[in-house]
Amino acid sequence: MGIVKISDLMHDNLRTASDALSRSINAQAEHWMRIGMLSELHPELCHGEICQLLMRARQAGDESLAFFTQESAAAPAVSKPARKAAR
């Protein structure tokens, strides 16, 4: 564990989001970092698909990077045509 320095504006954004979503500031920051990490690992996935990955990881009891890397070989939970139709 370490200290990460962020801008005052980002801290204000974290505080607002954490209040709205009933999370601690640290939990909100960690959530945003997970989303960002998965977005970079899986640029083909939309936000909803990334959230489904997080939910499957929680259910499997494994939220390590290894779980998310293994998931890259699996098809996303929402197919591309279904996602386009939903828009």
PDB file of N, CA and C in Angstrom:
ATOM      1  N   MET A   1       0.850  -1.170   0.000  1.00  0.00           N
ATOM      2  CA  MET A   1       0.000   0.000   0.000  1.00  0.00           C
ATOM      3  C   MET A   1       0.886   1.220   0.000  1.00  0.00           C
ATOM      4  N   GLY A   2       0.447   2.254  -0.662  1.00  0.00           N
ATOM      5  CA  GLY A   2       1.235   3.466  -0.735  1.00  0.00           C
ATOM      6  C   GLY A   2       0.358   4.691  -0.839  1.00  0.00           C
ATOM      7  N   ILE A   3       0.997   5.805  -0.993  1.00  0.00           N
ATOM      8  CA  ILE A   3       0.295   7.071  -1.112  1.00  0.00           C
ATOM      9  C   ILE A   3       0.347   7.511  -2.568  1.00  0.00           C
ATOM     10  N   VAL A   4      -0.788   7.906  -3.089  1.00  0.00           N
ATOM     11  CA  VAL A   4      -0.877   8.413  -4.448  1.00  0.00           C
ATOM     12  C   VAL A   4      -1.308   9.864  -4.363  1.00  0.00           C
ATOM     13  N   LYS A   5      -0.536  10.745  -4.965  1.00  0.00           N
ATOM     14  CA  LYS A   5      -0.898  12.161  -4.953  1.00  0.00           C
ATOM     15  C   LYS A   5      -1.783  12.458  -6.153  1.00  0.00           C
ATOM     16  N   ILE A   6      -2.880  13.150  -5.901  1.00  0.00           N
ATOM     17  CA  ILE A   6      -3.799  13.540  -6.962  1.00  0.00           C
ATOM     18  C   ILE A   6      -4.096  15.029  -6.817  1.00  0.00           C
ATOM     19  N   SER A   7      -4.630  15.597  -7.865  1.00  0.00           N
ATOM     20  CA  SER A   7      -4.947  17.023  -7.845  1.00  0.00           C
ATOM     21  C   SER A   7      -6.122  17.298  -6.916  1.00  0.00           C
ATOM     22  N   ASP A   8      -6.226  18.550  -6.498  1.00  0.00           N
ATOM     23  CA  ASP A   8      -7.357  18.944  -5.655  1.00  0.00           C
ATOM     24  C   ASP A   8      -8.677  18.752  -6.384  1.00  0.00           C
ATOM     25  N   LEU A   9      -8.695  19.033  -7.689  1.00  0.00           N
ATOM     26  CA  LEU A   9      -9.917  18.857  -8.472  1.00  0.00           C
ATOM     27  C   LEU A   9     -10.341  17.394  -8.502  1.00  0.00           C
ATOM     28  N   MET A  10      -9.383  16.483  -8.708  1.00  0.00           N
ATOM     29  CA  MET A  10      -9.720  15.058  -8.724  1.00  0.00           C
ATOM     30  C   MET A  10     -10.210  14.618  -7.348  1.00  0.00           C
ATOM     31  N   HIS A  11      -9.604  15.134  -6.302  1.00  0.00           N
ATOM     32  CA  HIS A  11     -10.045  14.795  -4.945  1.00  0.00           C
ATOM     33  C   HIS A  11     -11.483  15.267  -4.724  1.00  0.00           C
ATOM     34  N   ASP A  12     -11.807  16.466  -5.211  1.00  0.00           N
ATOM     35  CA  ASP A  12     -13.182  16.970  -5.104  1.00  0.00           C
ATOM     36  C   ASP A  12     -14.150  16.071  -5.875  1.00  0.00           C
ATOM     37  N   ASN A  13     -13.731  15.641  -7.067  1.00  0.00           N
ATOM     38  CA  ASN A  13     -14.568  14.735  -7.868  1.00  0.00           C
ATOM     39  C   ASN A  13     -14.770  13.402  -7.145  1.00  0.00           C
ATOM     40  N   LEU A  14     -13.703  12.901  -6.537  1.00  0.00           N
ATOM     41  CA  LEU A  14     -13.807  11.657  -5.770  1.00  0.00           C
ATOM     42  C   LEU A  14     -14.764  11.808  -4.600  1.00  0.00           C
ATOM     43  N   ARG A  15     -14.661  12.921  -3.901  1.00  0.00           N
ATOM     44  CA  ARG A  15     -15.530  13.156  -2.751  1.00  0.00           C
ATOM     45  C   ARG A  15     -16.999  13.193  -3.184  1.00  0.00           C
ATOM     46  N   THR A  16     -17.277  13.901  -4.271  1.00  0.00           N
ATOM     47  CA  THR A  16     -18.647  13.999  -4.776  1.00  0.00           C
ATOM     48  C   THR A  16     -19.185  12.624  -5.177  1.00  0.00           C
ATOM     49  N   ALA A  17     -18.388  11.885  -5.964  1.00  0.00           N
ATOM     50  CA  ALA A  17     -18.825  10.564  -6.415  1.00  0.00           C
ATOM     51  C   ALA A  17     -18.976   9.595  -5.247  1.00  0.00           C
ATOM     52  N   SER A  18     -18.050   9.645  -4.305  1.00  0.00           N
ATOM     53  CA  SER A  18     -18.127   8.713  -3.180  1.00  0.00           C
ATOM     54  C   SER A  18     -19.347   9.003  -2.311  1.00  0.00           C
ATOM     55  N   ASP A  19     -19.682  10.272  -2.132  1.00  0.00           N
ATOM     56  CA  ASP A  19     -20.896  10.621  -1.385  1.00  0.00           C
ATOM     57  C   ASP A  19     -22.141  10.110  -2.113  1.00  0.00           C
ATOM     58  N   ALA A  20     -22.186  10.336  -3.420  1.00  0.00           N
ATOM     59  CA  ALA A  20     -23.358   9.949  -4.206  1.00  0.00           C
ATOM     60  C   ALA A  20     -23.536   8.432  -4.258  1.00  0.00           C
ATOM     61  N   LEU A  21     -22.435   7.700  -4.257  1.00  0.00           N
ATOM     62  CA  LEU A  21     -22.492   6.247  -4.421  1.00  0.00           C
ATOM     63  C   LEU A  21     -22.268   5.483  -3.118  1.00  0.00           C
ATOM     64  N   SER A  22     -22.279   6.190  -2.004  1.00  0.00           N
ATOM     65  CA  SER A  22     -22.123   5.576  -0.673  1.00  0.00           C
ATOM     66  C   SER A  22     -20.864   4.732  -0.561  1.00  0.00           C
ATOM     67  N   ARG A  23     -19.769   5.270  -1.065  1.00  0.00           N
ATOM     68  CA  ARG A  23     -18.461   4.617  -0.946  1.00  0.00           C
ATOM     69  C   ARG A  23     -17.523   5.561  -0.220  1.00  0.00           C
ATOM     70  N   SER A  24     -16.472   5.003   0.346  1.00  0.00           N
ATOM     71  CA  SER A  24     -15.426   5.863   0.890  1.00  0.00           C
ATOM     72  C   SER A  24     -14.677   6.485  -0.292  1.00  0.00           C
ATOM     73  N   ILE A  25     -13.937   7.536  -0.016  1.00  0.00           N
ATOM     74  CA  ILE A  25     -13.143   8.169  -1.078  1.00  0.00           C
ATOM     75  C   ILE A  25     -12.149   7.156  -1.633  1.00  0.00           C
ATOM     76  N   ASN A  26     -11.505   6.381  -0.753  1.00  0.00           N
ATOM     77  CA  ASN A  26     -10.546   5.380  -1.218  1.00  0.00           C
ATOM     78  C   ASN A  26     -11.217   4.304  -2.068  1.00  0.00           C
ATOM     79  N   ALA A  27     -12.401   3.863  -1.655  1.00  0.00           N
ATOM     80  CA  ALA A  27     -13.119   2.838  -2.425  1.00  0.00           C
ATOM     81  C   ALA A  27     -13.519   3.374  -3.797  1.00  0.00           C
ATOM     82  N   GLN A  28     -13.928   4.637  -3.855  1.00  0.00           N
ATOM     83  CA  GLN A  28     -14.299   5.232  -5.139  1.00  0.00           C
ATOM     84  C   GLN A  28     -13.081   5.345  -6.050  1.00  0.00           C
ATOM     85  N   ALA A  29     -11.954   5.775  -5.496  1.00  0.00           N
ATOM     86  CA  ALA A  29     -10.730   5.875  -6.291  1.00  0.00           C
ATOM     87  C   ALA A  29     -10.315   4.504  -6.814  1.00  0.00           C
ATOM     88  N   GLU A  30     -10.393   3.489  -5.968  1.00  0.00           N
ATOM     89  CA  GLU A  30     -10.029   2.138  -6.391  1.00  0.00           C
ATOM     90  C   GLU A  30     -10.980   1.641  -7.483  1.00  0.00           C
ATOM     91  N   HIS A  31     -12.253   1.943  -7.352  1.00  0.00           N
ATOM     92  CA  HIS A  31     -13.234   1.557  -8.381  1.00  0.00           C
ATOM     93  C   HIS A  31     -12.858   2.189  -9.723  1.00  0.00           C
ATOM     94  N   TRP A  32     -12.590   3.490  -9.715  1.00  0.00           N
ATOM     95  CA  TRP A  32     -12.224   4.168 -10.954  1.00  0.00           C
ATOM     96  C   TRP A  32     -10.922   3.609 -11.527  1.00  0.00           C
ATOM     97  N   MET A  33      -9.983   3.236 -10.667  1.00  0.00           N
ATOM     98  CA  MET A  33      -8.725   2.667 -11.167  1.00  0.00           C
ATOM     99  C   MET A  33      -8.961   1.302 -11.799  1.00  0.00           C
ATOM    100  N   ARG A  34      -9.834   0.490 -11.191  1.00  0.00           N
ATOM    101  CA  ARG A  34     -10.158  -0.819 -11.791  1.00  0.00           C
ATOM    102  C   ARG A  34     -10.788  -0.633 -13.171  1.00  0.00           C
ATOM    103  N   ILE A  35     -11.751   0.282 -13.254  1.00  0.00           N
ATOM    104  CA  ILE A  35     -12.420   0.535 -14.533  1.00  0.00           C
ATOM    105  C   ILE A  35     -11.401   0.973 -15.581  1.00  0.00           C
ATOM    106  N   GLY A  36     -10.514   1.880 -15.202  1.00  0.00           N
ATOM    107  CA  GLY A  36      -9.479   2.352 -16.125  1.00  0.00           C
ATOM    108  C   GLY A  36      -8.534   1.251 -16.548  1.00  0.00           C
ATOM    109  N   MET A  37      -8.108   0.417 -15.595  1.00  0.00           N
ATOM    110  CA  MET A  37      -7.204  -0.684 -15.896  1.00  0.00           C
ATOM    111  C   MET A  37      -7.859  -1.645 -16.875  1.00  0.00           C
ATOM    112  N   LEU A  38      -9.117  -1.987 -16.613  1.00  0.00           N
ATOM    113  CA  LEU A  38      -9.811  -2.920 -17.500  1.00  0.00           C
ATOM    114  C   LEU A  38     -10.094  -2.306 -18.859  1.00  0.00           C
ATOM    115  N   SER A  39     -10.317  -1.011 -18.906  1.00  0.00           N
ATOM    116  CA  SER A  39     -10.516  -0.337 -20.191  1.00  0.00           C
ATOM    117  C   SER A  39      -9.261  -0.433 -21.047  1.00  0.00           C
ATOM    118  N   GLU A  40      -8.104  -0.328 -20.407  1.00  0.00           N
ATOM    119  CA  GLU A  40      -6.855  -0.455 -21.152  1.00  0.00           C
ATOM    120  C   GLU A  40      -6.563  -1.897 -21.544  1.00  0.00           C
ATOM    121  N   LEU A  41      -6.884  -2.846 -20.660  1.00  0.00           N
ATOM    122  CA  LEU A  41      -6.658  -4.256 -20.979  1.00  0.00           C
ATOM    123  C   LEU A  41      -7.633  -4.786 -22.027  1.00  0.00           C
ATOM    124  N   HIS A  42      -8.844  -4.233 -22.032  1.00  0.00           N
ATOM    125  CA  HIS A  42      -9.915  -4.712 -22.918  1.00  0.00           C
ATOM    126  C   HIS A  42     -10.570  -3.526 -23.632  1.00  0.00           C
ATOM    127  N   PRO A  43      -9.863  -2.897 -24.566  1.00  0.00           N
ATOM    128  CA  PRO A  43     -10.440  -1.717 -25.232  1.00  0.00           C
ATOM    129  C   PRO A  43     -11.696  -2.028 -26.047  1.00  0.00           C
ATOM    130  N   GLU A  44     -11.936  -3.303 -26.322  1.00  0.00           N
ATOM    131  CA  GLU A  44     -13.118  -3.676 -27.101  1.00  0.00           C
ATOM    132  C   GLU A  44     -14.389  -3.715 -26.257  1.00  0.00           C
ATOM    133  N   LEU A  45     -14.261  -3.655 -24.939  1.00  0.00           N
ATOM    134  CA  LEU A  45     -15.424  -3.753 -24.058  1.00  0.00           C
ATOM    135  C   LEU A  45     -15.984  -2.382 -23.699  1.00  0.00           C
ATOM    136  N   CYS A  46     -17.296  -2.316 -23.567  1.00  0.00           N
ATOM    137  CA  CYS A  46     -17.938  -1.086 -23.109  1.00  0.00           C
ATOM    138  C   CYS A  46     -17.991  -1.104 -21.573  1.00  0.00           C
ATOM    139  N   HIS A  47     -18.415  -0.010 -20.992  1.00  0.00           N
ATOM    140  CA  HIS A  47     -18.465   0.106 -19.538  1.00  0.00           C
ATOM    141  C   HIS A  47     -19.307  -1.002 -18.901  1.00  0.00           C
ATOM    142  N   GLY A  48     -20.453  -1.296 -19.466  1.00  0.00           N
ATOM    143  CA  GLY A  48     -21.318  -2.338 -18.916  1.00  0.00           C
ATOM    144  C   GLY A  48     -20.649  -3.700 -18.913  1.00  0.00           C
ATOM    145  N   GLU A  49     -19.910  -4.005 -19.966  1.00  0.00           N
ATOM    146  CA  GLU A  49     -19.200  -5.285 -20.041  1.00  0.00           C
ATOM    147  C   GLU A  49     -18.078  -5.340 -19.009  1.00  0.00           C
ATOM    148  N   ILE A  50     -17.420  -4.216 -18.793  1.00  0.00           N
ATOM    149  CA  ILE A  50     -16.375  -4.150 -17.775  1.00  0.00           C
ATOM    150  C   ILE A  50     -16.982  -4.373 -16.395  1.00  0.00           C
ATOM    151  N   CYS A  51     -18.139  -3.789 -16.140  1.00  0.00           N
ATOM    152  CA  CYS A  51     -18.821  -4.002 -14.858  1.00  0.00           C
ATOM    153  C   CYS A  51     -19.191  -5.470 -14.681  1.00  0.00           C
ATOM    154  N   GLN A  52     -19.594  -6.124 -15.770  1.00  0.00           N
ATOM    155  CA  GLN A  52     -19.899  -7.555 -15.692  1.00  0.00           C
ATOM    156  C   GLN A  52     -18.644  -8.358 -15.361  1.00  0.00           C
ATOM    157  N   LEU A  53     -17.487  -7.969 -15.921  1.00  0.00           N
ATOM    158  CA  LEU A  53     -16.233  -8.622 -15.573  1.00  0.00           C
ATOM    159  C   LEU A  53     -15.951  -8.485 -14.080  1.00  0.00           C
ATOM    160  N   LEU A  54     -16.145  -7.285 -13.551  1.00  0.00           N
ATOM    161  CA  LEU A  54     -15.915  -7.050 -12.123  1.00  0.00           C
ATOM    162  C   LEU A  54     -16.850  -7.902 -11.270  1.00  0.00           C
ATOM    163  N   MET A  55     -18.087  -8.019 -11.688  1.00  0.00           N
ATOM    164  CA  MET A  55     -19.051  -8.828 -10.939  1.00  0.00           C
ATOM    165  C   MET A  55     -18.675 -10.309 -10.977  1.00  0.00           C
ATOM    166  N   ARG A  56     -18.262 -10.810 -12.153  1.00  0.00           N
ATOM    167  CA  ARG A  56     -17.845 -12.211 -12.248  1.00  0.00           C
ATOM    168  C   ARG A  56     -16.606 -12.473 -11.399  1.00  0.00           C
ATOM    169  N   ALA A  57     -15.691 -11.518 -11.371  1.00  0.00           N
ATOM    170  CA  ALA A  57     -14.487 -11.662 -10.550  1.00  0.00           C
ATOM    171  C   ALA A  57     -14.865 -11.733  -9.073  1.00  0.00           C
ATOM    172  N   ARG A  58     -15.786 -10.877  -8.646  1.00  0.00           N
ATOM    173  CA  ARG A  58     -16.214 -10.879  -7.237  1.00  0.00           C
ATOM    174  C   ARG A  58     -16.879 -12.207  -6.899  1.00  0.00           C
ATOM    175  N   GLN A  59     -17.743 -12.701  -7.796  1.00  0.00           N
ATOM    176  CA  GLN A  59     -18.428 -13.969  -7.551  1.00  0.00           C
ATOM    177  C   GLN A  59     -17.442 -15.127  -7.497  1.00  0.00           C
ATOM    178  N   ALA A  60     -16.392 -15.058  -8.302  1.00  0.00           N
ATOM    179  CA  ALA A  60     -15.381 -16.117  -8.316  1.00  0.00           C
ATOM    180  C   ALA A  60     -14.415 -15.986  -7.148  1.00  0.00           C
ATOM    181  N   GLY A  61     -14.502 -14.867  -6.426  1.00  0.00           N
ATOM    182  CA  GLY A  61     -13.614 -14.657  -5.289  1.00  0.00           C
ATOM    183  C   GLY A  61     -12.201 -14.319  -5.704  1.00  0.00           C
ATOM    184  N   ASP A  62     -12.028 -13.870  -6.947  1.00  0.00           N
ATOM    185  CA  ASP A  62     -10.691 -13.559  -7.465  1.00  0.00           C
ATOM    186  C   ASP A  62     -10.744 -12.236  -8.201  1.00  0.00           C
ATOM    187  N   GLU A  63     -10.203 -11.209  -7.594  1.00  0.00           N
ATOM    188  CA  GLU A  63     -10.183  -9.897  -8.233  1.00  0.00           C
ATOM    189  C   GLU A  63      -8.762  -9.519  -8.654  1.00  0.00           C
ATOM    190  N   SER A  64      -7.909 -10.528  -8.805  1.00  0.00           N
ATOM    191  CA  SER A  64      -6.524 -10.264  -9.183  1.00  0.00           C
ATOM    192  C   SER A  64      -6.411  -9.960 -10.671  1.00  0.00           C
ATOM    193  N   LEU A  65      -5.310  -9.412 -11.056  1.00  0.00           N
ATOM    194  CA  LEU A  65      -5.057  -9.129 -12.468  1.00  0.00           C
ATOM    195  C   LEU A  65      -5.114 -10.410 -13.285  1.00  0.00           C
ATOM    196  N   ALA A  66      -4.731 -11.538 -12.690  1.00  0.00           N
ATOM    197  CA  ALA A  66      -4.762 -12.821 -13.400  1.00  0.00           C
ATOM    198  C   ALA A  66      -6.170 -13.165 -13.863  1.00  0.00           C
ATOM    199  N   PHE A  67      -7.173 -12.911 -13.027  1.00  0.00           N
ATOM    200  CA  PHE A  67      -8.554 -13.200 -13.414  1.00  0.00           C
ATOM    201  C   PHE A  67      -8.928 -12.397 -14.655  1.00  0.00           C
ATOM    202  N   PHE A  68      -8.600 -11.120 -14.655  1.00  0.00           N
ATOM    203  CA  PHE A  68      -8.978 -10.249 -15.766  1.00  0.00           C
ATOM    204  C   PHE A  68      -8.214 -10.591 -17.035  1.00  0.00           C
ATOM    205  N   THR A  69      -6.994 -11.069 -16.900  1.00  0.00           N
ATOM    206  CA  THR A  69      -6.214 -11.479 -18.065  1.00  0.00           C
ATOM    207  C   THR A  69      -6.795 -12.749 -18.661  1.00  0.00           C
ATOM    208  N   GLN A  70      -7.217 -13.692 -17.807  1.00  0.00           N
ATOM    209  CA  GLN A  70      -7.840 -14.927 -18.288  1.00  0.00           C
ATOM    210  C   GLN A  70      -9.140 -14.625 -19.009  1.00  0.00           C
ATOM    211  N   GLU A  71      -9.870 -13.618 -18.540  1.00  0.00           N
ATOM    212  CA  GLU A  71     -11.145 -13.260 -19.145  1.00  0.00           C
ATOM    213  C   GLU A  71     -10.972 -12.719 -20.556  1.00  0.00           C
ATOM    214  N   SER A  72      -9.774 -12.219 -20.900  1.00  0.00           N
ATOM    215  CA  SER A  72      -9.585 -11.626 -22.220  1.00  0.00           C
ATOM    216  C   SER A  72      -9.780 -12.653 -23.327  1.00  0.00           C
ATOM    217  N   ALA A  73      -9.555 -13.920 -23.020  1.00  0.00           N
ATOM    218  CA  ALA A  73      -9.750 -14.972 -24.020  1.00  0.00           C
ATOM    219  C   ALA A  73     -11.221 -15.329 -24.180  1.00  0.00           C
ATOM    220  N   ALA A  74     -12.015 -15.005 -23.177  1.00  0.00           N
ATOM    221  CA  ALA A  74     -13.445 -15.335 -23.219  1.00  0.00           C
ATOM    222  C   ALA A  74     -14.215 -14.268 -23.980  1.00  0.00           C
ATOM    223  N   ALA A  75     -15.324 -14.668 -24.537  1.00  0.00           N
ATOM    224  CA  ALA A  75     -16.180 -13.707 -25.242  1.00  0.00           C
ATOM    225  C   ALA A  75     -16.858 -12.799 -24.233  1.00  0.00           C
ATOM    226  N   PRO A  76     -17.059 -11.529 -24.578  1.00  0.00           N
ATOM    227  CA  PRO A  76     -17.769 -10.642 -23.655  1.00  0.00           C
ATOM    228  C   PRO A  76     -19.197 -11.114 -23.440  1.00  0.00           C
ATOM    229  N   ALA A  77     -19.759 -10.762 -22.290  1.00  0.00           N
ATOM    230  CA  ALA A  77     -21.106 -11.213 -21.931  1.00  0.00           C
ATOM    231  C   ALA A  77     -22.162 -10.651 -22.875  1.00  0.00           C
ATOM    232  N   VAL A  78     -21.905  -9.495 -23.463  1.00  0.00           N
ATOM    233  CA  VAL A  78     -22.855  -8.879 -24.381  1.00  0.00           C
ATOM    234  C   VAL A  78     -22.224  -8.885 -25.768  1.00  0.00           C
ATOM    235  N   SER A  79     -22.902  -9.474 -26.725  1.00  0.00           N
ATOM    236  CA  SER A  79     -22.345  -9.545 -28.068  1.00  0.00           C
ATOM    237  C   SER A  79     -22.360  -8.173 -28.719  1.00  0.00           C
ATOM    238  N   LYS A  80     -21.482  -7.972 -29.669  1.00  0.00           N
ATOM    239  CA  LYS A  80     -21.394  -6.682 -30.356  1.00  0.00           C
ATOM    240  C   LYS A  80     -22.715  -6.298 -31.024  1.00  0.00           C
ATOM    241  N   PRO A  81     -23.393  -7.212 -31.787  1.00  0.00           N
ATOM    242  CA  PRO A  81     -24.671  -6.817 -32.400  1.00  0.00           C
ATOM    243  C   PRO A  81     -25.721  -6.443 -31.359  1.00  0.00           C
ATOM    244  N   ALA A  82     -25.779  -7.170 -30.239  1.00  0.00           N
ATOM    245  CA  ALA A  82     -26.774  -6.857 -29.203  1.00  0.00           C
ATOM    246  C   ALA A  82     -26.490  -5.496 -28.592  1.00  0.00           C
ATOM    247  N   ARG A  83     -25.213  -5.171 -28.413  1.00  0.00           N
ATOM    248  CA  ARG A  83     -24.868  -3.885 -27.841  1.00  0.00           C
ATOM    249  C   ARG A  83     -25.249  -2.767 -28.794  1.00  0.00           C
ATOM    250  N   LYS A  84     -25.024  -2.944 -30.090  1.00  0.00           N
ATOM    251  CA  LYS A  84     -25.391  -1.923 -31.062  1.00  0.00           C
ATOM    252  C   LYS A  84     -26.915  -1.730 -31.100  1.00  0.00           C
ATOM    253  N   ALA A  85     -27.628  -2.816 -31.001  1.00  0.00           N
ATOM    254  CA  ALA A  85     -29.090  -2.739 -31.035  1.00  0.00           C
ATOM    255  C   ALA A  85     -29.618  -2.029 -29.818  1.00  0.00           C
ATOM    256  N   ALA A  86     -28.908  -2.153 -28.701  1.00  0.00           N
ATOM    257  CA  ALA A  86     -29.366  -1.542 -27.453  1.00  0.00           C
ATOM    258  C   ALA A  86     -29.184  -0.020 -27.467  1.00  0.00           C
ATOM    259  N   ARG A  87     -28.356   0.497 -28.366  1.00  0.00           N
ATOM    260  CA  ARG A  87     -28.090   1.937 -28.409  1.00  0.00           C
ATOM    261  C   ARG A  87     -29.212   2.671 -28.988  1.00  0.00           C
TER     262      ARG A  87
END
